[in-house]
PDB file of all heavy atoms in Angstrom:
ATOM      1  N   HIS A   1     106.573 112.337  85.612  1.00  0.00           N
ATOM      2  CA  HIS A   1     106.137 113.712  85.398  1.00  0.00           C
ATOM      3  C   HIS A   1     107.218 114.731  85.774  1.00  0.00           C
ATOM      4  O   HIS A   1     106.944 115.931  85.883  1.00  0.00           O
ATOM      5  CB  HIS A   1     104.846 113.979  86.180  1.00  0.00           C
ATOM      6  CG  HIS A   1     103.663 113.283  85.591  1.00  0.00           C
ATOM      7  ND1 HIS A   1     103.444 111.926  85.747  1.00  0.00           N
ATOM      8  CD2 HIS A   1     102.648 113.747  84.815  1.00  0.00           C
ATOM      9  CE1 HIS A   1     102.334 111.591  85.110  1.00  0.00           C
ATOM     10  NE2 HIS A   1     101.844 112.668  84.529  1.00  0.00           N
ATOM     11  N   GLY A   2     108.438 114.246  85.963  1.00  0.00           N
ATOM     12  CA  GLY A   2     109.551 115.140  86.214  1.00  0.00           C
ATOM     13  C   GLY A   2     109.484 115.882  87.525  1.00  0.00           C
ATOM     14  O   GLY A   2     110.019 116.989  87.643  1.00  0.00           O
ATOM     15  N   ILE A   3     108.836 115.284  88.518  1.00  0.00           N
ATOM     16  CA  ILE A   3     108.662 115.945  89.817  1.00  0.00           C
ATOM     17  C   ILE A   3     109.651 115.341  90.822  1.00  0.00           C
ATOM     18  O   ILE A   3     109.640 114.127  91.039  1.00  0.00           O
ATOM     19  CB  ILE A   3     107.218 115.780  90.319  1.00  0.00           C
ATOM     20  CG1 ILE A   3     106.255 116.492  89.354  1.00  0.00           C
ATOM     21  CG2 ILE A   3     107.069 116.334  91.739  1.00  0.00           C
ATOM     22  CD1 ILE A   3     104.795 116.230  89.656  1.00  0.00           C
ATOM     23  N   PRO A   4     110.510 116.138  91.423  1.00  0.00           N
ATOM     24  CA  PRO A   4     111.484 115.598  92.387  1.00  0.00           C
ATOM     25  C   PRO A   4     110.800 115.171  93.677  1.00  0.00           C
ATOM     26  O   PRO A   4     109.771 115.729  94.066  1.00  0.00           O
ATOM     27  CB  PRO A   4     112.433 116.774  92.631  1.00  0.00           C
ATOM     28  CG  PRO A   4     111.600 117.992  92.366  1.00  0.00           C
ATOM     29  CD  PRO A   4     110.638 117.605  91.266  1.00  0.00           C
ATOM     30  N   TRP A   5     111.372 114.159  94.314  1.00  0.00           N
ATOM     31  CA  TRP A   5     110.829 113.715  95.592  1.00  0.00           C
ATOM     32  C   TRP A   5     111.950 113.331  96.536  1.00  0.00           C
ATOM     33  O   TRP A   5     113.059 113.032  96.113  1.00  0.00           O
ATOM     34  CB  TRP A   5     109.832 112.578  95.414  1.00  0.00           C
ATOM     35  CG  TRP A   5     110.338 111.330  94.742  1.00  0.00           C
ATOM     36  CD1 TRP A   5     110.443 111.108  93.391  1.00  0.00           C
ATOM     37  CD2 TRP A   5     110.781 110.119  95.368  1.00  0.00           C
ATOM     38  NE1 TRP A   5     110.920 109.840  93.139  1.00  0.00           N
ATOM     39  CE2 TRP A   5     111.135 109.216  94.328  1.00  0.00           C
ATOM     40  CE3 TRP A   5     110.913 109.719  96.694  1.00  0.00           C
ATOM     41  CZ2 TRP A   5     111.619 107.922  94.599  1.00  0.00           C
ATOM     42  CZ3 TRP A   5     111.392 108.435  96.971  1.00  0.00           C
ATOM     43  CH2 TRP A   5     111.727 107.555  95.924  1.00  0.00           C
ATOM     44  N   ARG A   6     111.608 113.369  97.796  1.00  0.00           N
ATOM     45  CA  ARG A   6     112.581 113.072  98.854  1.00  0.00           C
ATOM     46  C   ARG A   6     111.955 112.091  99.842  1.00  0.00           C
ATOM     47  O   ARG A   6     110.856 112.326 100.346  1.00  0.00           O
ATOM     48  CB  ARG A   6     112.984 114.351  99.576  1.00  0.00           C
ATOM     49  CG  ARG A   6     113.946 114.143 100.751  1.00  0.00           C
ATOM     50  CD  ARG A   6     114.280 115.466 101.398  1.00  0.00           C
ATOM     51  NE  ARG A   6     114.952 116.368 100.465  1.00  0.00           N
ATOM     52  CZ  ARG A   6     115.197 117.652 100.706  1.00  0.00           C
ATOM     53  NH1 ARG A   6     114.806 118.189 101.848  1.00  0.00           N
ATOM     54  NH2 ARG A   6     115.821 118.409  99.823  1.00  0.00           N
ATOM     55  N   LEU A   7     112.632 110.984 100.083  1.00  0.00           N
ATOM     56  CA  LEU A   7     112.143 109.986 101.034  1.00  0.00           C
ATOM     57  C   LEU A   7     112.584 110.360 102.443  1.00  0.00           C
ATOM     58  O   LEU A   7     113.761 110.592 102.701  1.00  0.00           O
ATOM     59  CB  LEU A   7     112.677 108.597 100.683  1.00  0.00           C
ATOM     60  CG  LEU A   7     112.208 107.467 101.604  1.00  0.00           C
ATOM     61  CD1 LEU A   7     110.719 107.197 101.404  1.00  0.00           C
ATOM     62  CD2 LEU A   7     113.010 106.192 101.359  1.00  0.00           C
ATOM     63  N   ILE A   8     111.620 110.399 103.362  1.00  0.00           N
ATOM     64  CA  ILE A   8     111.909 110.584 104.779  1.00  0.00           C
ATOM     65  C   ILE A   8     111.550 109.282 105.477  1.00  0.00           C
ATOM     66  O   ILE A   8     110.375 108.947 105.634  1.00  0.00           O
ATOM     67  CB  ILE A   8     111.126 111.783 105.351  1.00  0.00           C
ATOM     68  CG1 ILE A   8     111.547 113.071 104.632  1.00  0.00           C
ATOM     69  CG2 ILE A   8     111.367 111.906 106.862  1.00  0.00           C
ATOM     70  CD1 ILE A   8     110.793 114.299 105.062  1.00  0.00           C
ATOM     71  N   ALA A   9     112.573 108.514 105.841  1.00  0.00           N
ATOM     72  CA  ALA A   9     112.381 107.173 106.394  1.00  0.00           C
ATOM     73  C   ALA A   9     112.167 107.260 107.899  1.00  0.00           C
ATOM     74  O   ALA A   9     113.099 107.118 108.695  1.00  0.00           O
ATOM     75  CB  ALA A   9     113.579 106.292 106.064  1.00  0.00           C
ATOM     76  N   VAL A  10     110.934 107.494 108.285  1.00  0.00           N
ATOM     77  CA  VAL A  10     110.588 107.563 109.700  1.00  0.00           C
ATOM     78  C   VAL A  10     110.933 106.244 110.392  1.00  0.00           C
ATOM     79  O   VAL A  10     111.375 106.219 111.546  1.00  0.00           O
ATOM     80  CB  VAL A  10     109.094 107.909 109.878  1.00  0.00           C
ATOM     81  CG1 VAL A  10     108.700 107.919 111.349  1.00  0.00           C
ATOM     82  CG2 VAL A  10     108.784 109.262 109.239  1.00  0.00           C
ATOM     83  N   ASP A  11     110.753 105.131 109.676  1.00  0.00           N
ATOM     84  CA  ASP A  11     111.044 103.812 110.249  1.00  0.00           C
ATOM     85  C   ASP A  11     112.518 103.635 110.569  1.00  0.00           C
ATOM     86  O   ASP A  11     112.876 102.816 111.422  1.00  0.00           O
ATOM     87  CB  ASP A  11     110.589 102.711 109.279  1.00  0.00           C
ATOM     88  CG  ASP A  11     111.235 102.854 107.909  1.00  0.00           C
ATOM     89  OD1 ASP A  11     110.676 103.584 107.065  1.00  0.00           O
ATOM     90  OD2 ASP A  11     112.288 102.256 107.673  1.00  0.00           O
ATOM     91  N   ALA A  12     113.373 104.401 109.931  1.00  0.00           N
ATOM     92  CA  ALA A  12     114.815 104.321 110.189  1.00  0.00           C
ATOM     93  C   ALA A  12     115.277 105.390 111.166  1.00  0.00           C
ATOM     94  O   ALA A  12     116.484 105.586 111.359  1.00  0.00           O
ATOM     95  CB  ALA A  12     115.582 104.444 108.881  1.00  0.00           C
ATOM     96  N   GLY A  13     114.335 106.098 111.779  1.00  0.00           N
ATOM     97  CA  GLY A  13     114.678 107.086 112.786  1.00  0.00           C
ATOM     98  C   GLY A  13     114.861 108.496 112.274  1.00  0.00           C
ATOM     99  O   GLY A  13     115.280 109.376 113.042  1.00  0.00           O
ATOM    100  N   GLU A  14     114.562 108.743 110.994  1.00  0.00           N
ATOM    101  CA  GLU A  14     114.692 110.105 110.479  1.00  0.00           C
ATOM    102  C   GLU A  14     113.620 110.996 111.096  1.00  0.00           C
ATOM    103  O   GLU A  14     112.469 110.598 111.250  1.00  0.00           O
ATOM    104  CB  GLU A  14     114.594 110.113 108.956  1.00  0.00           C
ATOM    105  CG  GLU A  14     115.772 109.414 108.296  1.00  0.00           C
ATOM    106  CD  GLU A  14     115.792 109.611 106.791  1.00  0.00           C
ATOM    107  OE1 GLU A  14     115.304 110.661 106.324  1.00  0.00           O
ATOM    108  OE2 GLU A  14     116.282 108.710 106.101  1.00  0.00           O
ATOM    109  N   ALA A  15     113.994 112.193 111.423  1.00  0.00           N
ATOM    110  CA  ALA A  15     113.099 113.107 112.115  1.00  0.00           C
ATOM    111  C   ALA A  15     112.054 113.689 111.179  1.00  0.00           C
ATOM    112  O   ALA A  15     112.318 113.932 110.003  1.00  0.00           O
ATOM    113  CB  ALA A  15     113.909 114.234 112.747  1.00  0.00           C
ATOM    114  N   VAL A  16     110.877 113.913 111.718  1.00  0.00           N
ATOM    115  CA  VAL A  16     109.833 114.614 110.985  1.00  0.00           C
ATOM    116  C   VAL A  16     110.234 116.086 110.909  1.00  0.00           C
ATOM    117  O   VAL A  16     110.589 116.688 111.933  1.00  0.00           O
ATOM    118  CB  VAL A  16     108.473 114.466 111.697  1.00  0.00           C
ATOM    119  CG1 VAL A  16     107.395 115.311 111.008  1.00  0.00           C
ATOM    120  CG2 VAL A  16     108.057 112.990 111.745  1.00  0.00           C
ATOM    121  N   PRO A  17     110.222 116.687 109.724  1.00  0.00           N
ATOM    122  CA  PRO A  17     110.612 118.099 109.614  1.00  0.00           C
ATOM    123  C   PRO A  17     109.737 118.990 110.497  1.00  0.00           C
ATOM    124  O   PRO A  17     108.564 118.707 110.720  1.00  0.00           O
ATOM    125  CB  PRO A  17     110.396 118.414 108.128  1.00  0.00           C
ATOM    126  CG  PRO A  17     110.460 117.075 107.446  1.00  0.00           C
ATOM    127  CD  PRO A  17     109.896 116.091 108.417  1.00  0.00           C
ATOM    128  N   GLU A  18     110.312 120.084 110.957  1.00  0.00           N
ATOM    129  CA  GLU A  18     109.567 121.016 111.804  1.00  0.00           C
ATOM    130  C   GLU A  18     108.645 121.909 110.993  1.00  0.00           C
ATOM    131  O   GLU A  18     107.690 122.478 111.535  1.00  0.00           O
ATOM    132  CB  GLU A  18     110.538 121.873 112.616  1.00  0.00           C
ATOM    133  CG  GLU A  18     111.341 121.060 113.635  1.00  0.00           C
ATOM    134  CD  GLU A  18     112.237 121.941 114.486  1.00  0.00           C
ATOM    135  OE1 GLU A  18     112.238 123.177 114.270  1.00  0.00           O
ATOM    136  OE2 GLU A  18     112.925 121.396 115.374  1.00  0.00           O
ATOM    137  N   SER A  19     108.917 122.035 109.694  1.00  0.00           N
ATOM    138  CA  SER A  19     108.116 122.894 108.827  1.00  0.00           C
ATOM    139  C   SER A  19     107.942 122.221 107.466  1.00  0.00           C
ATOM    140  O   SER A  19     108.853 121.518 107.000  1.00  0.00           O
ATOM    141  CB  SER A  19     108.796 124.250 108.647  1.00  0.00           C
ATOM    142  OG  SER A  19     108.197 124.985 107.595  1.00  0.00           O
ATOM    143  N   PRO A  20     106.796 122.442 106.804  1.00  0.00           N
ATOM    144  CA  PRO A  20     106.594 121.882 105.466  1.00  0.00           C
ATOM    145  C   PRO A  20     107.094 122.797 104.353  1.00  0.00           C
ATOM    146  O   PRO A  20     106.969 122.451 103.175  1.00  0.00           O
ATOM    147  CB  PRO A  20     105.067 121.747 105.399  1.00  0.00           C
ATOM    148  CG  PRO A  20     104.570 122.927 106.178  1.00  0.00           C
ATOM    149  CD  PRO A  20     105.575 123.118 107.301  1.00  0.00           C
ATOM    150  N   GLU A  21     107.653 123.939 104.683  1.00  0.00           N
ATOM    151  CA  GLU A  21     107.915 124.975 103.688  1.00  0.00           C
ATOM    152  C   GLU A  21     108.972 124.582 102.654  1.00  0.00           C
ATOM    153  O   GLU A  21     109.053 125.200 101.594  1.00  0.00           O
ATOM    154  CB  GLU A  21     108.334 126.272 104.382  1.00  0.00           C
ATOM    155  CG  GLU A  21     107.249 126.904 105.233  1.00  0.00           C
ATOM    156  CD  GLU A  21     106.032 127.348 104.426  1.00  0.00           C
ATOM    157  OE1 GLU A  21     106.185 127.610 103.210  1.00  0.00           O
ATOM    158  OE2 GLU A  21     104.936 127.436 105.004  1.00  0.00           O
ATOM    159  N   ASP A  22     109.783 123.567 102.937  1.00  0.00           N
ATOM    160  CA  ASP A  22     110.798 123.140 101.978  1.00  0.00           C
ATOM    161  C   ASP A  22     110.245 122.199 100.918  1.00  0.00           C
ATOM    162  O   ASP A  22     110.999 121.756 100.039  1.00  0.00           O
ATOM    163  CB  ASP A  22     111.958 122.434 102.696  1.00  0.00           C
ATOM    164  CG  ASP A  22     112.798 123.384 103.526  1.00  0.00           C
ATOM    165  OD1 ASP A  22     112.798 124.599 103.216  1.00  0.00           O
ATOM    166  OD2 ASP A  22     113.438 122.928 104.488  1.00  0.00           O
ATOM    167  N   TYR A  23     108.956 121.897 100.971  1.00  0.00           N
ATOM    168  CA  TYR A  23     108.379 120.881 100.100  1.00  0.00           C
ATOM    169  C   TYR A  23     107.199 121.410  99.301  1.00  0.00           C
ATOM    170  O   TYR A  23     106.425 122.246  99.779  1.00  0.00           O
ATOM    171  CB  TYR A  23     107.955 119.671 100.929  1.00  0.00           C
ATOM    172  CG  TYR A  23     109.094 119.111 101.738  1.00  0.00           C
ATOM    173  CD1 TYR A  23     109.194 119.377 103.103  1.00  0.00           C
ATOM    174  CD2 TYR A  23     110.100 118.384 101.130  1.00  0.00           C
ATOM    175  CE1 TYR A  23     110.267 118.907 103.851  1.00  0.00           C
ATOM    176  CE2 TYR A  23     111.179 117.907 101.860  1.00  0.00           C
ATOM    177  CZ  TYR A  23     111.262 118.172 103.216  1.00  0.00           C
ATOM    178  OH  TYR A  23     112.340 117.709 103.936  1.00  0.00           O
ATOM    179  N   ALA A  24     107.057 120.880  98.091  1.00  0.00           N
ATOM    180  CA  ALA A  24     105.929 121.245  97.229  1.00  0.00           C
ATOM    181  C   ALA A  24     104.651 120.540  97.675  1.00  0.00           C
ATOM    182  O   ALA A  24     103.546 121.028  97.425  1.00  0.00           O
ATOM    183  CB  ALA A  24     106.240 120.873  95.779  1.00  0.00           C
ATOM    184  N   GLY A  25     104.797 119.396  98.317  1.00  0.00           N
ATOM    185  CA  GLY A  25     103.669 118.625  98.816  1.00  0.00           C
ATOM    186  C   GLY A  25     104.184 117.555  99.754  1.00  0.00           C
ATOM    187  O   GLY A  25     105.392 117.259  99.780  1.00  0.00           O
ATOM    188  N   LEU A  26     103.286 116.964 100.533  1.00  0.00           N
ATOM    189  CA  LEU A  26     103.654 115.923 101.494  1.00  0.00           C
ATOM    190  C   LEU A  26     102.834 114.674 101.213  1.00  0.00           C
ATOM    191  O   LEU A  26     101.608 114.740 101.071  1.00  0.00           O
ATOM    192  CB  LEU A  26     103.386 116.380 102.929  1.00  0.00           C
ATOM    193  CG  LEU A  26     103.983 117.707 103.398  1.00  0.00           C
ATOM    194  CD1 LEU A  26     103.612 117.951 104.863  1.00  0.00           C
ATOM    195  CD2 LEU A  26     105.494 117.727 103.216  1.00  0.00           C
ATOM    196  N   CYS A  27     103.516 113.536 101.148  1.00  0.00           N
ATOM    197  CA  CYS A  27     102.869 112.242 100.928  1.00  0.00           C
ATOM    198  C   CYS A  27     103.192 111.319 102.095  1.00  0.00           C
ATOM    199  O   CYS A  27     104.351 111.186 102.493  1.00  0.00           O
ATOM    200  CB  CYS A  27     103.366 111.618  99.624  1.00  0.00           C
ATOM    201  SG  CYS A  27     102.815 109.902  99.371  1.00  0.00           S
ATOM    202  N   PHE A  28     102.160 110.659 102.628  1.00  0.00           N
ATOM    203  CA  PHE A  28     102.323 109.761 103.762  1.00  0.00           C
ATOM    204  C   PHE A  28     101.906 108.351 103.348  1.00  0.00           C
ATOM    205  O   PHE A  28     100.791 108.144 102.883  1.00  0.00           O
ATOM    206  CB  PHE A  28     101.489 110.253 104.947  1.00  0.00           C
ATOM    207  CG  PHE A  28     101.866 111.637 105.387  1.00  0.00           C
ATOM    208  CD1 PHE A  28     101.237 112.754 104.844  1.00  0.00           C
ATOM    209  CD2 PHE A  28     102.883 111.842 106.292  1.00  0.00           C
ATOM    210  CE1 PHE A  28     101.595 114.035 105.216  1.00  0.00           C
ATOM    211  CE2 PHE A  28     103.264 113.123 106.678  1.00  0.00           C
ATOM    212  CZ  PHE A  28     102.616 114.226 106.136  1.00  0.00           C
ATOM    213  N   MET A  29     102.825 107.405 103.535  1.00  0.00           N
ATOM    214  CA  MET A  29     102.566 106.023 103.143  1.00  0.00           C
ATOM    215  C   MET A  29     101.937 105.239 104.295  1.00  0.00           C
ATOM    216  O   MET A  29     101.614 105.797 105.345  1.00  0.00           O
ATOM    217  CB  MET A  29     103.860 105.359 102.672  1.00  0.00           C
ATOM    218  CG  MET A  29     104.576 106.110 101.545  1.00  0.00           C
ATOM    219  SD  MET A  29     103.525 106.633 100.153  1.00  0.00           S
ATOM    220  CE  MET A  29     102.881 105.058  99.589  1.00  0.00           C
ATOM    221  N   GLY A  30     101.781 103.930 104.114  1.00  0.00           N
ATOM    222  CA  GLY A  30     101.115 103.091 105.106  1.00  0.00           C
ATOM    223  C   GLY A  30     102.043 102.597 106.201  1.00  0.00           C
ATOM    224  O   GLY A  30     103.198 103.013 106.319  1.00  0.00           O
TER     225      GLY A  30
END
């Protein structure tokens, strides 16, 4: 659907963003 996405690899130590404002939506996996 032509929607850009960005992977945030919490399992690899990437930090949770302090604000959601840079994103169109947030998806959380298992």
